[in-house]
Amino acid sequence: MNLRAALAYLDRHTNLEATAGRAEGLSLDRMTRLVHALGDPQNAYPVIHITGTNGKGSVARMCTELLRASGLSVGTFTSPHLERINERIAWDGEPISDDDLAAAISTVAAVEEVAGVTPSYFEILTAAAFVHFADVAVDVAVVEVGMLGRYDATNVVDAAVAVLTNIGHDHTDGVGDWRQAIAAEKVGIVKPGSTFVCGEVAADVRPILAGADAAAIWWRGEQFDCEQEVLALGGRSLGLRTPSGTYDDVYLPLHGEHQSQNAAVALAAAEAFFDRRLDEEVVADAFASVTVPGRFEVAEREPTVVLDAAHNLDGAAACAATLREEFTLAGTVVLVVGFLSGRDPVEMLSAVGATDAGLLIACTPDSPRAIPAPLVAAAADSLGIVAESVPGVDDAVRRALAVAGPDDLVLVTGSLYVVGPARTVLREEVAV
């Protein structure tokens, strides 16, 4: 297949990311049969497997840089993508080429009948990533869970290191002991003999997490932590502690206190993988090179444009805290926002600090799950926020740039399906 045919094949399969359908009868049987028909490529290299409600994408990128700086060839699988599907499968930090992506998907398609299964969109991409990493002979793969853990398609790996960033309110009905239920699913990625690096410290889920079938458990606040952080130009300077000792004055060019904790998790995961202390220069170089597109990313100046794919309450609160603590504004905030179903617009707007915005521009993300822009604008109006409704993300971003002065800040947030298209628009605007 060429890329067009490969993507057409992919699109003919159920995409739960787009529909957010409630999955019943969860099982790894289909994915197990698929990768077995491919020769179990996921067993060709060691894996660091990462789950969590928030931060797993950032931790994946940090782990990748730490491993690369240590001299390893690294495959990275993340989801979803911001602008191009190629972003999901990366080798040494570079997205897979169109030809290689087409070849990997074609390889999966060729065994579908042999496997006797009809895989989902995500299962095909996951298997394609495993195939590609085996083909290029990576030394290690960093694999981000798509959703939850135990029955996620990525969980056919037998990871040397399993990572949990945190547990928050996302992909849940919020009924009953939902935190314990999520913890039980996420801890399902921990395999016998692995090291479990746990960034979640809440007492209510500790017994469940402590029951993980791991050779060792490293807890944030005990075996590892971020013990010091100081704001620095374009980021922060960190003091990180691991079982091997401390790393002082580590510069991280990312915004938000939560990224300091993500850095501690990533460094612990890398140490657990190597089973030794990392060279301090390697750690410094790795963290200094980290970029996380779409996560409080400063995309432009005059006006300042910030892209943050906060898509749940915890993420929205972190976004608001980062804006409040790290940015001094001479002007006002122009907010471009869109949400997917399953989010309460009033709760999300309150969490992200929308009541402090001078203007809110509501848009409709390009997704079957999108909440229509007029409903978001009405939610903003109920909070006393001056709001407009603009149907498309592209037009909403252009409207924000048109009304914002050089001292204002444009914050684009609410969903990856808003931030991704916004990045494309901004790049096109700069090119004009």
Protein backbone atom coordinates (compact mmCIF):
# COMPACT_ATOMS: atom_id res chain seq x y z
CA MET A 1 0.00 0.00 0.00
CA ASN A 2 0.98 3.62 -0.44
CA LEU A 3 0.17 6.00 2.42
CA ARG A 4 -3.24 6.95 1.05
CA ALA A 5 -4.30 3.32 0.76
CA ALA A 6 -2.84 2.49 4.17
CA LEU A 7 -4.74 5.31 5.85
CA ALA A 8 -7.92 4.33 4.01
CA TYR A 9 -7.50 0.80 5.36
CA LEU A 10 -6.97 2.23 8.83
CA ASP A 11 -10.08 4.40 8.59
CA ARG A 12 -12.24 1.39 7.73
CA HIS A 13 -11.70 0.07 11.25
CA THR A 14 -13.46 1.12 14.45
CA ASN A 15 -11.87 4.20 15.98
CA LEU A 16 -12.83 4.47 19.65
CA GLU A 17 -10.82 7.67 19.94
CA ALA A 18 -13.28 9.34 17.60
CA THR A 19 -16.46 7.78 18.90
CA ALA A 20 -15.60 7.28 22.59
CA GLY A 21 -17.90 4.31 22.60
CA ARG A 22 -18.21 2.38 25.82
CA ALA A 23 -16.16 -0.76 25.27
CA GLU A 24 -17.73 -3.97 26.50
CA GLY A 25 -16.14 -7.37 27.01
CA LEU A 26 -12.62 -5.97 27.32
CA SER A 27 -9.92 -8.42 26.36
CA LEU A 28 -6.39 -8.55 24.96
CA ASP A 29 -7.21 -11.65 22.94
CA ARG A 30 -7.64 -9.83 19.62
CA MET A 31 -4.41 -7.86 20.01
CA THR A 32 -2.52 -10.93 21.21
CA ARG A 33 -3.58 -12.89 18.14
CA LEU A 34 -2.65 -9.98 15.86
CA VAL A 35 0.89 -9.53 17.16
CA HIS A 36 1.43 -13.29 17.29
CA ALA A 37 0.59 -13.46 13.57
CA LEU A 38 3.24 -10.75 13.10
CA GLY A 39 5.86 -12.79 14.97
CA ASP A 40 5.47 -10.91 18.27
CA PRO A 41 7.64 -7.92 17.28
CA GLN A 42 7.01 -6.29 20.67
CA ASN A 43 9.32 -8.88 22.22
CA ALA A 44 12.30 -7.85 20.08
CA TYR A 45 13.36 -5.02 22.43
CA PRO A 46 12.90 -3.98 26.07
CA VAL A 47 10.04 -1.59 26.86
CA ILE A 48 9.26 1.23 29.25
CA HIS A 49 5.45 1.27 29.51
CA ILE A 50 3.73 4.45 30.72
CA THR A 51 0.17 5.01 31.94
CA GLY A 52 -1.59 7.78 33.87
CA THR A 53 -4.45 10.26 33.60
CA ASN A 54 -2.20 13.23 32.88
CA GLY A 55 1.45 13.63 32.07
CA LYS A 56 2.17 10.31 30.37
CA GLY A 57 2.95 11.95 27.03
CA SER A 58 5.37 14.37 28.69
CA VAL A 59 7.02 11.56 30.65
CA ALA A 60 7.35 9.53 27.43
CA ARG A 61 9.18 12.39 25.75
CA MET A 62 11.44 12.93 28.74
CA CYS A 63 12.26 9.22 28.97
CA THR A 64 13.04 9.19 25.27
CA GLU A 65 15.52 12.04 25.61
CA LEU A 66 17.20 10.46 28.64
CA LEU A 67 17.63 7.16 26.79
CA ARG A 68 18.84 8.84 23.61
CA ALA A 69 21.32 10.99 25.52
CA SER A 70 22.63 7.76 27.04
CA GLY A 71 23.45 6.48 23.55
CA LEU A 72 20.48 4.22 22.82
CA SER A 73 18.32 3.97 19.71
CA VAL A 74 14.77 4.67 20.94
CA GLY A 75 11.34 4.01 19.51
CA THR A 76 8.48 6.04 20.99
CA PHE A 77 4.77 5.29 20.63
CA THR A 78 2.34 7.97 21.83
CA SER A 79 -1.29 8.90 21.23
CA PRO A 80 -3.25 10.70 20.03
CA HIS A 81 -1.44 12.96 17.57
CA LEU A 82 -1.67 16.74 17.28
CA GLU A 83 -1.34 17.39 13.56
CA ARG A 84 -0.17 14.27 11.69
CA ILE A 85 -0.66 10.61 12.46
CA ASN A 86 3.08 10.05 11.85
CA GLU A 87 3.77 11.74 15.21
CA ARG A 88 2.54 8.65 17.06
CA ILE A 89 5.42 6.45 15.93
CA ALA A 90 8.85 8.03 16.35
CA TRP A 91 12.42 6.77 16.07
CA ASP A 92 15.06 8.76 17.94
CA GLY A 93 12.63 11.64 18.27
CA GLU A 94 11.69 11.85 14.58
CA PRO A 95 8.18 10.92 13.39
CA ILE A 96 7.93 7.93 11.10
CA SER A 97 8.17 8.74 7.38
CA ASP A 98 5.14 8.39 5.12
CA ASP A 99 6.69 5.41 3.32
CA ASP A 100 7.62 3.62 6.54
CA LEU A 101 4.20 4.26 8.04
CA ALA A 102 2.52 2.85 4.95
CA ALA A 103 4.81 -0.19 5.05
CA ALA A 104 4.14 -0.86 8.74
CA ILE A 105 0.37 -0.60 8.32
CA SER A 106 0.56 -2.79 5.21
CA THR A 107 2.40 -5.45 7.21
CA VAL A 108 -0.40 -5.46 9.78
CA ALA A 109 -3.09 -5.55 7.09
CA ALA A 110 -1.43 -8.55 5.46
CA VAL A 111 -1.88 -10.72 8.56
CA GLU A 112 -5.40 -9.66 9.54
CA GLU A 113 -6.97 -12.67 7.84
CA VAL A 114 -4.31 -15.04 9.18
CA ALA A 115 -4.88 -13.72 12.71
CA GLY A 116 -8.60 -14.25 12.30
CA VAL A 117 -9.48 -10.92 13.88
CA THR A 118 -10.74 -7.51 12.84
CA PRO A 119 -8.55 -5.10 14.80
CA SER A 120 -9.50 -1.58 15.82
CA TYR A 121 -7.86 1.59 14.53
CA PHE A 122 -5.74 1.87 17.67
CA GLU A 123 -4.77 -1.81 17.62
CA ILE A 124 -3.54 -1.49 14.03
CA LEU A 125 -1.42 1.56 14.86
CA THR A 126 -0.03 -0.10 17.98
CA ALA A 127 0.92 -3.21 16.05
CA ALA A 128 2.40 -1.06 13.27
CA ALA A 129 4.58 0.70 15.84
CA PHE A 130 5.82 -2.61 17.22
CA VAL A 131 6.62 -3.80 13.69
CA HIS A 132 8.48 -0.61 12.81
CA PHE A 133 10.54 -0.65 15.99
CA ALA A 134 11.56 -4.23 15.30
CA ASP A 135 12.41 -3.42 11.68
CA VAL A 136 14.73 -0.54 12.60
CA ALA A 137 16.14 -2.53 15.54
CA VAL A 138 15.62 -0.04 18.35
CA ASP A 139 17.49 -0.65 21.60
CA VAL A 140 14.41 0.20 23.65
CA ALA A 141 10.82 1.31 23.10
CA VAL A 142 8.95 3.88 25.18
CA VAL A 143 5.26 3.00 24.90
CA GLU A 144 2.43 5.23 26.11
CA VAL A 145 -0.85 3.56 27.06
CA GLY A 146 -3.84 4.72 25.05
CA MET A 147 -6.45 4.39 27.81
CA LEU A 148 -6.34 2.92 31.32
CA GLY A 149 -3.93 -0.02 31.12
CA ARG A 150 -4.82 -3.66 31.75
CA TYR A 151 -6.81 -4.11 28.54
CA ASP A 152 -5.14 -1.41 26.47
CA ALA A 153 -3.77 -2.71 23.17
CA THR A 154 -0.25 -1.72 24.22
CA ASN A 155 -0.37 -4.14 27.15
CA VAL A 156 0.80 -7.08 25.06
CA VAL A 157 4.30 -5.83 25.91
CA ASP A 158 6.24 -7.35 28.78
CA ALA A 159 7.77 -4.13 30.07
CA ALA A 160 11.00 -3.98 32.04
CA VAL A 161 9.76 -0.76 33.65
CA ALA A 162 6.10 0.16 34.21
CA VAL A 163 5.25 3.78 35.01
CA LEU A 164 2.14 5.39 36.51
CA THR A 165 2.11 9.19 36.48
CA ASN A 166 -1.11 9.81 38.42
CA ILE A 167 -4.80 9.00 38.74
CA GLY A 168 -7.38 11.65 37.90
CA HIS A 169 -10.96 12.12 36.77
CA ASP A 170 -10.98 11.16 33.10
CA HIS A 171 -12.57 8.34 31.10
CA THR A 172 -14.77 7.45 34.05
CA ASP A 173 -18.40 7.86 35.04
CA GLY A 174 -17.26 9.05 38.47
CA VAL A 175 -19.57 6.63 40.25
CA GLY A 176 -18.61 4.96 43.53
CA ASP A 177 -14.98 4.07 44.19
CA TRP A 178 -13.91 5.25 40.76
CA ARG A 179 -10.36 6.10 41.80
CA GLN A 180 -9.81 2.59 43.11
CA ALA A 181 -11.31 1.14 39.94
CA ILE A 182 -9.00 3.21 37.75
CA ALA A 183 -6.00 2.30 39.90
CA ALA A 184 -6.79 -1.39 39.50
CA GLU A 185 -6.90 -1.03 35.72
CA LYS A 186 -3.75 1.08 35.42
CA VAL A 187 -1.68 -1.18 37.65
CA GLY A 188 -2.49 -3.97 35.21
CA ILE A 189 0.47 -2.92 33.05
CA VAL A 190 2.90 -4.00 35.78
CA LYS A 191 4.41 -7.39 34.95
CA PRO A 192 6.25 -9.91 37.15
CA GLY A 193 9.93 -9.04 37.41
CA SER A 194 9.46 -5.41 36.36
CA THR A 195 10.20 -2.24 38.29
CA PHE A 196 7.08 -0.18 38.97
CA VAL A 197 7.76 3.58 39.09
CA CYS A 198 4.73 5.16 40.75
CA GLY A 199 4.07 8.90 40.65
CA GLU A 200 0.66 8.60 42.34
CA VAL A 201 0.97 9.13 46.11
CA ALA A 202 -2.66 9.34 47.31
CA ALA A 203 -3.41 7.12 50.30
CA ASP A 204 -6.81 5.98 48.99
CA VAL A 205 -5.26 3.96 46.14
CA ARG A 206 -1.96 3.00 47.79
CA PRO A 207 -3.08 -0.52 48.82
CA ILE A 208 -4.11 -1.32 45.25
CA LEU A 209 -0.91 0.04 43.73
CA ALA A 210 1.22 -1.64 46.40
CA GLY A 211 -0.26 -4.96 45.32
CA ALA A 212 1.38 -4.70 41.89
CA ASP A 213 3.15 -7.87 40.81
CA ALA A 214 6.54 -6.14 40.48
CA ALA A 215 10.06 -7.02 41.52
CA ALA A 216 10.36 -3.53 43.05
CA ILE A 217 8.15 -0.48 43.53
CA TRP A 218 9.61 3.03 43.53
CA TRP A 219 7.26 5.61 45.08
CA ARG A 220 7.38 9.33 44.41
CA GLY A 221 8.12 11.00 47.72
CA GLU A 222 10.09 7.99 48.93
CA GLN A 223 12.55 6.50 46.43
CA PHE A 224 12.41 9.51 44.10
CA ASP A 225 11.04 13.05 43.94
CA CYS A 226 11.49 16.61 42.75
CA GLU A 227 12.86 18.28 45.86
CA GLN A 228 13.52 21.77 44.54
CA GLU A 229 12.29 23.89 41.68
CA VAL A 230 13.09 27.48 40.83
CA LEU A 231 11.53 29.41 37.97
CA ALA A 232 14.02 30.09 35.19
CA LEU A 233 13.83 31.81 31.83
CA GLY A 234 11.56 29.65 29.67
CA GLY A 235 11.15 26.93 32.28
CA ARG A 236 12.54 25.93 35.67
CA SER A 237 15.64 24.68 37.44
CA LEU A 238 15.12 21.41 39.31
CA GLY A 239 16.67 19.40 42.08
CA LEU A 240 15.80 15.74 41.47
CA ARG A 241 16.33 12.81 43.82
CA THR A 242 16.46 9.14 42.84
CA PRO A 243 17.61 5.99 44.65
CA SER A 244 21.16 6.75 43.44
CA GLY A 245 21.31 10.26 44.91
CA THR A 246 20.54 13.80 43.74
CA TYR A 247 20.83 15.73 40.49
CA ASP A 248 21.06 19.46 41.11
CA ASP A 249 20.35 22.48 38.89
CA VAL A 250 18.69 20.50 36.10
CA TYR A 251 17.19 22.93 33.59
CA LEU A 252 13.82 21.92 32.14
CA PRO A 253 12.51 24.21 29.36
CA LEU A 254 8.83 23.53 30.12
CA HIS A 255 6.15 25.53 31.90
CA GLY A 256 4.10 24.26 34.85
CA GLU A 257 4.88 22.82 38.26
CA HIS A 258 3.40 19.51 37.16
CA GLN A 259 6.25 19.12 34.65
CA SER A 260 8.71 19.08 37.56
CA GLN A 261 6.98 16.01 38.95
CA ASN A 262 6.89 14.47 35.48
CA ALA A 263 10.65 15.00 35.26
CA ALA A 264 11.16 13.16 38.55
CA VAL A 265 9.06 10.24 37.27
CA ALA A 266 10.92 10.11 33.95
CA LEU A 267 14.36 10.19 35.57
CA ALA A 268 13.38 7.42 37.98
CA ALA A 269 12.10 5.33 35.06
CA ALA A 270 15.37 5.77 33.16
CA GLU A 271 17.43 4.83 36.23
CA ALA A 272 15.22 1.80 36.81
CA PHE A 273 15.75 0.75 33.20
CA PHE A 274 19.55 1.01 33.38
CA ASP A 275 19.66 -0.18 37.00
CA ARG A 276 22.31 2.44 37.69
CA ARG A 277 22.90 6.15 38.12
CA LEU A 278 22.97 8.24 34.95
CA ASP A 279 25.81 10.59 34.14
CA GLU A 280 24.90 14.10 35.32
CA GLU A 281 25.87 15.70 32.02
CA VAL A 282 23.67 13.20 30.19
CA VAL A 283 20.73 14.10 32.43
CA ALA A 284 21.33 17.83 31.98
CA ASP A 285 21.60 17.55 28.19
CA ALA A 286 18.54 15.31 27.95
CA PHE A 287 16.18 17.51 29.95
CA ALA A 288 17.44 20.68 28.27
CA SER A 289 16.40 19.24 24.90
CA VAL A 290 12.86 18.18 25.88
CA THR A 291 9.96 19.66 23.94
CA VAL A 292 6.31 18.78 24.48
CA PRO A 293 4.20 20.31 21.69
CA GLY A 294 0.71 21.36 22.75
CA ARG A 295 1.44 21.23 26.49
CA PHE A 296 1.60 24.86 27.62
CA GLU A 297 3.57 25.57 24.49
CA VAL A 298 4.39 29.23 23.82
CA ALA A 299 3.84 29.34 20.08
CA GLU A 300 4.08 33.06 19.33
CA ARG A 301 4.90 36.45 20.87
CA GLU A 302 3.17 39.85 20.50
CA PRO A 303 0.62 38.66 21.20
CA THR A 304 1.78 35.74 23.27
CA VAL A 305 -0.01 32.61 22.06
CA VAL A 306 -0.09 29.59 24.37
CA LEU A 307 -1.33 26.15 23.31
CA ASP A 308 -2.36 23.78 26.07
CA ALA A 309 -4.25 20.57 25.37
CA ALA A 310 -5.83 20.44 28.83
CA HIS A 311 -8.79 18.14 28.25
CA ASN A 312 -9.89 17.27 31.78
CA LEU A 313 -10.39 19.08 35.09
CA ASP A 314 -6.93 18.32 36.47
CA GLY A 315 -5.30 19.49 33.26
CA ALA A 316 -7.41 22.65 33.14
CA ALA A 317 -6.51 23.49 36.75
CA ALA A 318 -2.81 22.93 36.02
CA CYS A 319 -3.09 25.22 32.98
CA ALA A 320 -4.68 27.97 35.07
CA ALA A 321 -2.05 27.63 37.79
CA THR A 322 0.79 27.83 35.28
CA LEU A 323 -0.65 30.95 33.67
CA ARG A 324 -1.19 32.57 37.05
CA GLU A 325 2.23 31.73 38.48
CA GLU A 326 4.55 32.14 35.50
CA PHE A 327 3.12 34.91 33.33
CA THR A 328 2.79 38.61 34.16
CA LEU A 329 0.37 40.18 31.71
CA ALA A 330 0.25 43.81 30.70
CA GLY A 331 -2.86 43.10 28.64
CA THR A 332 -5.75 40.67 28.86
CA VAL A 333 -6.41 37.00 28.11
CA VAL A 334 -8.26 35.99 24.96
CA LEU A 335 -9.40 32.40 25.38
CA VAL A 336 -10.05 30.06 22.45
CA VAL A 337 -11.70 26.92 23.73
CA GLY A 338 -13.53 23.82 22.55
CA PHE A 339 -14.52 20.61 24.33
CA LEU A 340 -15.49 17.05 23.57
CA SER A 341 -18.50 15.27 25.03
CA GLY A 342 -18.05 13.91 28.51
CA ARG A 343 -16.83 17.30 29.73
CA ASP A 344 -19.03 19.75 31.64
CA PRO A 345 -18.28 23.11 29.96
CA VAL A 346 -19.07 25.11 33.10
CA GLU A 347 -16.72 22.97 35.22
CA MET A 348 -13.97 23.09 32.63
CA LEU A 349 -14.25 26.84 32.11
CA SER A 350 -14.16 27.43 35.85
CA ALA A 351 -11.13 25.18 36.27
CA VAL A 352 -9.15 26.86 33.50
CA GLY A 353 -9.83 30.31 34.97
CA ALA A 354 -11.98 31.51 32.09
CA THR A 355 -13.75 34.07 34.30
CA ASP A 356 -10.54 36.12 34.21
CA ALA A 357 -10.49 36.28 30.39
CA GLY A 358 -11.37 39.47 28.59
CA LEU A 359 -12.97 37.52 25.78
CA LEU A 360 -13.80 33.85 25.19
CA ILE A 361 -14.12 32.50 21.67
CA ALA A 362 -15.86 29.13 21.64
CA CYS A 363 -15.23 26.77 18.73
CA THR A 364 -16.34 23.30 17.67
CA PRO A 365 -13.52 20.73 17.51
CA ASP A 366 -13.37 18.54 14.40
CA SER A 367 -14.60 15.38 16.10
CA PRO A 368 -17.84 13.40 16.23
CA ARG A 369 -17.64 13.91 20.00
CA ALA A 370 -17.46 17.72 19.81
CA ILE A 371 -19.66 19.89 21.98
CA PRO A 372 -21.11 22.54 19.61
CA ALA A 373 -19.55 25.98 20.04
CA PRO A 374 -22.88 27.72 20.89
CA LEU A 375 -23.31 25.44 23.92
CA VAL A 376 -19.83 26.30 25.19
CA ALA A 377 -20.50 30.01 24.59
CA ALA A 378 -23.77 29.70 26.54
CA ALA A 379 -21.89 28.05 29.42
CA ALA A 380 -19.43 30.94 29.39
CA ASP A 381 -22.28 33.45 29.39
CA SER A 382 -23.76 31.77 32.46
CA LEU A 383 -20.47 32.47 34.25
CA GLY A 384 -20.53 36.12 33.25
CA ILE A 385 -17.83 35.75 30.60
CA VAL A 386 -17.97 37.82 27.41
CA ALA A 387 -18.15 35.12 24.76
CA GLU A 388 -18.45 34.62 21.03
CA SER A 389 -19.24 31.46 19.08
CA VAL A 390 -17.13 30.68 16.00
CA PRO A 391 -17.80 27.26 14.41
CA GLY A 392 -14.33 26.18 13.24
CA VAL A 393 -11.03 26.07 15.12
CA ASP A 394 -9.20 27.80 12.25
CA ASP A 395 -11.56 30.78 12.21
CA ALA A 396 -11.60 30.97 16.01
CA VAL A 397 -7.81 31.25 16.15
CA ARG A 398 -7.75 33.86 13.41
CA ARG A 399 -10.46 35.81 15.24
CA ALA A 400 -8.42 35.73 18.44
CA LEU A 401 -5.30 36.97 16.65
CA ALA A 402 -7.33 39.76 15.05
CA VAL A 403 -8.69 41.12 18.34
CA ALA A 404 -5.61 40.56 20.53
CA GLY A 405 -3.19 43.41 21.09
CA PRO A 406 0.60 42.90 21.35
CA ASP A 407 0.40 42.85 25.18
CA ASP A 408 -2.44 40.32 25.30
CA LEU A 409 -2.20 36.56 25.73
CA VAL A 410 -4.17 34.15 23.55
CA LEU A 411 -4.74 30.82 25.29
CA VAL A 412 -5.94 27.96 23.08
CA THR A 413 -7.13 24.99 25.11
CA GLY A 414 -9.79 22.38 25.87
CA SER A 415 -8.84 19.49 23.60
CA LEU A 416 -6.11 18.06 21.38
CA TYR A 417 -8.68 18.48 18.61
CA VAL A 418 -8.45 22.23 19.18
CA VAL A 419 -4.73 22.60 19.86
CA GLY A 420 -3.62 20.46 16.89
CA PRO A 421 -5.45 22.48 14.22
CA ALA A 422 -4.44 25.69 15.99
CA ARG A 423 -0.75 24.78 15.61
CA THR A 424 -1.32 24.30 11.90
CA VAL A 425 -3.06 27.67 11.56
CA LEU A 426 -0.31 29.48 13.45
CA ARG A 427 2.38 27.96 11.24
CA GLU A 428 0.44 29.01 8.14
CA GLU A 429 0.02 32.54 9.50
CA VAL A 430 3.76 32.84 10.11
CA ALA A 431 4.52 31.56 6.61
CA VAL A 432 2.32 34.18 4.95
